[in-house]
C-alpha cells in the first residue's frame, strides 16, 4: 500500500481531524511561499524579508513595507486550489484548520473553524484610533493607506517581533489536543511558536506531513509525503 492510500485510509478512519497549514498550500493558487524552491527567500532583495515583515521596520518605513506587501502578500484574484477545497469537502470530520497563512483562502474554499494564528490580510486597523478597515480600502489606496484621522493603517497580521494572539493560540492548542489525526500541509515547521503546536497532539493521534521539503518533525510522523501538494490532494 502506498502512502497516498495510507493517507486516504487514515482520513476515512479518523473522526477528529485537524489540518495545520503553511504557505506551501497556497503556492498552487499563485501565492509565493517563503522557504520553498521558488519562495521569497530565493529572490534577491535589498532588505531581508524577515526585516520587511518586522514591526520595527513597519513603524520606521511604512512606505517600503506597503510596496512589498501589496506586491506579494495581498491575495488579489487568487482562488482556493484543490487542497483547500478537499479539506473543506471533509466537512464535520475536520474539527479545525489551524493556519499560519494570512490569505483567507481556506474560508474562500469553504472551510469552517479556521484559526489564523498569524492574522489576516482581510482587515486593517488604525495605529492611532483603532478604527477597522476592509481589504478593499487598502487595495484602492495609493502608497501608505491612512485612516480618516490621518494615521497609518496596519494589516491585522502578526509581524516579526510581535507575540501571537493568546486567544488564537489557546484555541489552536485545544483543537490539536482533541484530534485523533493531525495533518500538516505546506509548512516547513521551522517558524516558532506556531511550529511548536505539533507537540500538543495526543500520544495516540496519528501525524501526517505533506510538504515538498523535509521538516524537523518528519521522524515523528506516521506518513510523510514529500511531493507536490496539489498532486497529493488530487490523488485523494
Protein backbone atom coordinates (compact mmCIF):
# COMPACT_ATOMS: atom_id res chain seq x y z
CA UNK A 1 0.00 0.00 0.00
CA UNK A 2 1.49 3.37 -0.99
CA UNK A 3 1.47 6.43 1.23
CA UNK A 4 -1.39 8.11 -0.64
CA UNK A 5 -3.62 5.11 0.03
CA UNK A 6 -2.49 5.03 3.67
CA UNK A 7 -3.31 8.72 3.97
CA UNK A 8 -6.75 8.14 2.45
CA UNK A 9 -7.44 5.35 4.92
CA UNK A 10 -6.37 7.47 7.88
CA UNK A 11 -8.75 10.22 6.76
CA UNK A 12 -11.58 7.68 6.40
CA UNK A 13 -10.92 6.10 9.79
CA UNK A 14 -10.42 9.33 11.78
CA UNK A 15 -13.25 11.25 13.43
CA UNK A 16 -11.49 14.41 14.68
CA UNK A 17 -9.06 15.68 12.06
CA UNK A 18 -7.10 18.91 12.45
CA UNK A 19 -5.24 20.36 9.48
CA UNK A 20 -2.29 22.63 10.18
CA UNK A 21 -1.29 24.56 7.07
CA UNK A 22 1.51 26.84 5.95
CA UNK A 23 2.35 28.91 2.89
CA UNK A 24 3.06 25.85 0.75
CA UNK A 25 -0.63 25.02 0.47
CA UNK A 26 -1.28 28.31 -1.35
CA UNK A 27 1.51 28.22 -3.94
CA UNK A 28 -0.79 26.45 -6.43
CA UNK A 29 -3.09 29.47 -6.07
CA UNK A 30 -0.29 31.72 -7.29
CA UNK A 31 0.99 32.94 -3.93
CA UNK A 32 4.69 32.76 -3.14
CA UNK A 33 5.82 30.91 -0.04
CA UNK A 34 8.95 31.80 1.90
CA UNK A 35 11.21 28.77 2.06
CA UNK A 36 10.09 26.68 -0.92
CA UNK A 37 12.08 26.09 -4.08
CA UNK A 38 10.66 29.30 -5.62
CA UNK A 39 9.96 31.09 -2.34
CA UNK A 40 10.59 34.69 -1.42
CA UNK A 41 13.82 33.76 0.34
CA UNK A 42 15.29 32.74 -3.03
CA UNK A 43 14.65 36.19 -4.53
CA UNK A 44 17.20 38.93 -4.03
CA UNK A 45 16.01 41.89 -2.01
CA UNK A 46 17.94 44.90 -0.67
CA UNK A 47 16.10 44.37 2.62
CA UNK A 48 15.74 40.83 4.05
CA UNK A 49 12.13 39.65 4.02
CA UNK A 50 12.05 38.95 7.73
CA UNK A 51 13.15 42.56 8.26
CA UNK A 52 10.48 43.86 5.85
CA UNK A 53 7.86 41.96 7.84
CA UNK A 54 9.06 43.11 11.26
CA UNK A 55 7.06 45.53 13.39
CA UNK A 56 10.12 47.76 13.82
CA UNK A 57 10.54 48.15 10.07
CA UNK A 58 6.82 48.78 9.53
CA UNK A 59 6.84 51.57 12.09
CA UNK A 60 10.04 53.04 10.66
CA UNK A 61 9.29 52.80 6.93
CA UNK A 62 5.62 52.01 6.16
CA UNK A 63 6.03 53.14 2.53
CA UNK A 64 8.64 50.46 1.72
CA UNK A 65 6.68 47.90 3.71
CA UNK A 66 3.47 48.55 1.79
CA UNK A 67 5.20 48.40 -1.59
CA UNK A 68 6.42 44.90 -0.77
CA UNK A 69 3.17 43.94 0.94
CA UNK A 70 0.92 44.95 -1.95
CA UNK A 71 3.15 43.17 -4.48
CA UNK A 72 3.48 39.87 -2.64
CA UNK A 73 1.08 39.43 0.27
CA UNK A 74 -2.30 40.76 -0.81
CA UNK A 75 -4.14 37.86 -2.40
CA UNK A 76 -5.61 39.73 -5.37
CA UNK A 77 -7.51 37.34 -7.65
CA UNK A 78 -6.08 34.16 -6.10
CA UNK A 79 -8.59 31.35 -5.73
CA UNK A 80 -8.66 28.29 -3.44
CA UNK A 81 -6.94 25.32 -5.04
CA UNK A 82 -7.63 21.58 -4.88
CA UNK A 83 -6.03 21.22 -1.43
CA UNK A 84 -8.16 23.98 0.13
CA UNK A 85 -11.28 22.51 -1.47
CA UNK A 86 -10.51 18.93 -0.45
CA UNK A 87 -10.04 19.95 3.18
CA UNK A 88 -13.38 21.79 3.11
CA UNK A 89 -15.10 18.79 1.49
CA UNK A 90 -14.33 16.63 4.52
CA UNK A 91 -16.97 18.61 6.43
CA UNK A 92 -17.55 17.89 10.10
CA UNK A 93 -14.74 15.35 10.21
CA UNK A 94 -12.40 18.35 10.27
CA UNK A 95 -12.71 19.94 13.70
CA UNK A 96 -10.36 22.84 12.89
CA UNK A 97 -7.95 24.24 10.34
CA UNK A 98 -5.02 25.88 12.12
CA UNK A 99 -3.24 28.01 9.55
CA UNK A 100 -0.09 30.09 9.53
CA UNK A 101 -1.40 31.75 6.37
CA UNK A 102 -2.90 35.22 6.19
CA UNK A 103 -4.55 34.84 2.76
CA UNK A 104 -8.08 33.75 3.72
CA UNK A 105 -8.15 31.00 1.07
CA UNK A 106 -9.37 28.32 3.48
CA UNK A 107 -12.50 30.34 4.17
CA UNK A 108 -13.00 31.04 0.46
CA UNK A 109 -12.65 27.31 -0.16
CA UNK A 110 -15.47 26.55 2.26
CA UNK A 111 -13.68 25.57 5.46
CA UNK A 112 -15.19 26.48 8.82
CA UNK A 113 -13.45 26.97 12.18
CA UNK A 114 -10.30 28.35 10.60
CA UNK A 115 -7.84 29.55 13.25
CA UNK A 116 -5.49 32.13 11.73
CA UNK A 117 -2.60 32.20 14.19
CA UNK A 118 -0.66 34.78 12.15
CA UNK A 119 -3.66 37.03 11.49
CA UNK A 120 -5.22 38.07 8.19
CA UNK A 121 -4.78 40.47 5.26
CA UNK A 122 -8.54 40.91 5.06
CA UNK A 123 -8.81 43.61 7.74
CA UNK A 124 -6.74 46.63 8.80
CA UNK A 125 -6.60 48.82 11.90
CA UNK A 126 -5.60 52.42 12.52
CA UNK A 127 -2.47 52.59 14.67
CA UNK A 128 -3.87 55.67 16.44
CA UNK A 129 -7.64 55.31 16.91
CA UNK A 130 -8.08 51.59 16.20
CA UNK A 131 -10.77 52.03 13.53
CA UNK A 132 -11.11 48.95 11.31
CA UNK A 133 -10.99 48.97 7.51
CA UNK A 134 -11.60 46.23 4.90
CA UNK A 135 -9.03 44.97 2.41
CA UNK A 136 -10.81 46.75 -0.46
CA UNK A 137 -9.99 50.12 1.11
CA UNK A 138 -6.28 49.30 1.20
CA UNK A 139 -6.26 47.86 -2.33
CA UNK A 140 -7.82 51.08 -3.63
CA UNK A 141 -5.32 53.30 -1.83
CA UNK A 142 -2.06 54.53 -3.31
CA UNK A 143 1.07 54.49 -1.24
CA UNK A 144 0.57 54.12 2.50
CA UNK A 145 -3.13 53.64 3.40
CA UNK A 146 -4.33 56.04 6.06
CA UNK A 147 -7.26 56.32 8.41
CA UNK A 148 -9.71 59.22 8.31
CA UNK A 149 -7.84 60.59 11.33
CA UNK A 150 -4.65 60.71 9.23
CA UNK A 151 -2.72 57.90 10.93
CA UNK A 152 -1.27 54.86 9.17
CA UNK A 153 -3.29 51.67 8.83
CA UNK A 154 -1.64 48.37 9.69
CA UNK A 155 -2.73 44.96 8.41
CA UNK A 156 -4.18 42.71 11.12
CA UNK A 157 -1.26 40.31 10.83
CA UNK A 158 1.36 39.21 13.33
CA UNK A 159 4.62 40.94 12.42
CA UNK A 160 8.01 39.52 13.26
CA UNK A 161 8.79 40.85 16.70
CA UNK A 162 5.19 40.56 17.91
CA UNK A 163 3.56 37.90 20.04
CA UNK A 164 0.86 35.61 18.68
CA UNK A 165 -2.68 36.30 19.87
CA UNK A 166 -3.17 34.35 23.11
CA UNK A 167 -6.81 33.50 22.37
CA UNK A 168 -5.99 32.06 18.94
CA UNK A 169 -3.08 30.05 20.30
CA UNK A 170 -5.29 28.67 23.08
CA UNK A 171 -7.97 27.79 20.54
CA UNK A 172 -5.41 26.05 18.31
CA UNK A 173 -3.93 24.08 21.20
CA UNK A 174 -7.39 22.98 22.32
CA UNK A 175 -8.25 21.76 18.82
CA UNK A 176 -4.97 19.88 18.38
CA UNK A 177 -5.21 18.28 21.82
CA UNK A 178 -8.63 16.92 20.84
CA UNK A 179 -7.68 15.45 17.46
CA UNK A 180 -7.11 11.84 16.50
CA UNK A 181 -5.32 12.84 13.28
CA UNK A 182 -3.12 15.90 12.70
CA UNK A 183 -2.27 16.67 9.08
CA UNK A 184 0.44 19.25 8.39
CA UNK A 185 0.29 20.66 4.87
CA UNK A 186 2.76 23.05 3.27
CA UNK A 187 4.67 24.09 6.35
CA UNK A 188 8.41 23.84 6.91
CA UNK A 189 7.68 23.62 10.65
CA UNK A 190 10.62 25.86 11.50
CA UNK A 191 8.80 29.10 12.38
CA UNK A 192 8.08 29.20 16.10
CA UNK A 193 5.98 29.42 18.12
CA UNK A 194 3.46 28.18 15.51
CA UNK A 195 5.57 25.13 14.56
CA UNK A 196 5.57 24.02 18.19
CA UNK A 197 1.81 23.44 18.07
CA UNK A 198 2.52 19.99 16.59
CA UNK A 199 3.75 18.92 20.03
CA UNK A 200 0.27 19.29 21.54
CA UNK A 201 -1.24 16.36 19.63
CA UNK A 202 -2.32 13.41 21.83
CA UNK A 203 0.09 10.48 22.08
CA UNK A 204 -2.33 8.20 20.26
CA UNK A 205 -3.07 10.70 17.47
CA UNK A 206 -1.64 9.99 14.04
CA UNK A 207 0.57 12.56 12.29
CA UNK A 208 0.74 13.08 8.52
CA UNK A 209 3.09 15.62 6.92
CA UNK A 210 2.60 16.74 3.32
CA UNK A 211 5.38 19.13 2.34
CA UNK A 212 7.71 19.30 -0.64
CA UNK A 213 10.81 19.66 1.56
CA UNK A 214 11.79 17.75 4.73
CA UNK A 215 10.71 19.12 8.12
CA UNK A 216 12.14 18.71 11.64
CA UNK A 217 9.09 16.60 12.56
CA UNK A 218 9.32 14.04 9.74
CA UNK A 219 10.80 11.42 12.07
CA UNK A 220 7.72 11.62 14.31
CA UNK A 221 5.18 11.27 11.50
CA UNK A 222 3.22 8.15 10.61
CA UNK A 223 3.17 9.21 6.96
CA UNK A 224 5.44 11.70 5.18
CA UNK A 225 4.73 12.84 1.62
CA UNK A 226 7.49 14.93 0.06
CA UNK A 227 5.58 15.76 -3.08
CA UNK A 228 3.63 18.45 -4.86
CA UNK A 229 0.69 19.27 -2.59
CA UNK A 230 -1.81 19.63 -5.43
CA UNK A 231 -0.87 16.21 -6.82
CA UNK A 232 -1.31 14.61 -3.41
CA UNK A 233 -4.76 16.10 -2.87
CA UNK A 234 -5.85 15.33 -6.43
CA UNK A 235 -4.88 11.71 -5.79
CA UNK A 236 -7.04 11.67 -2.65
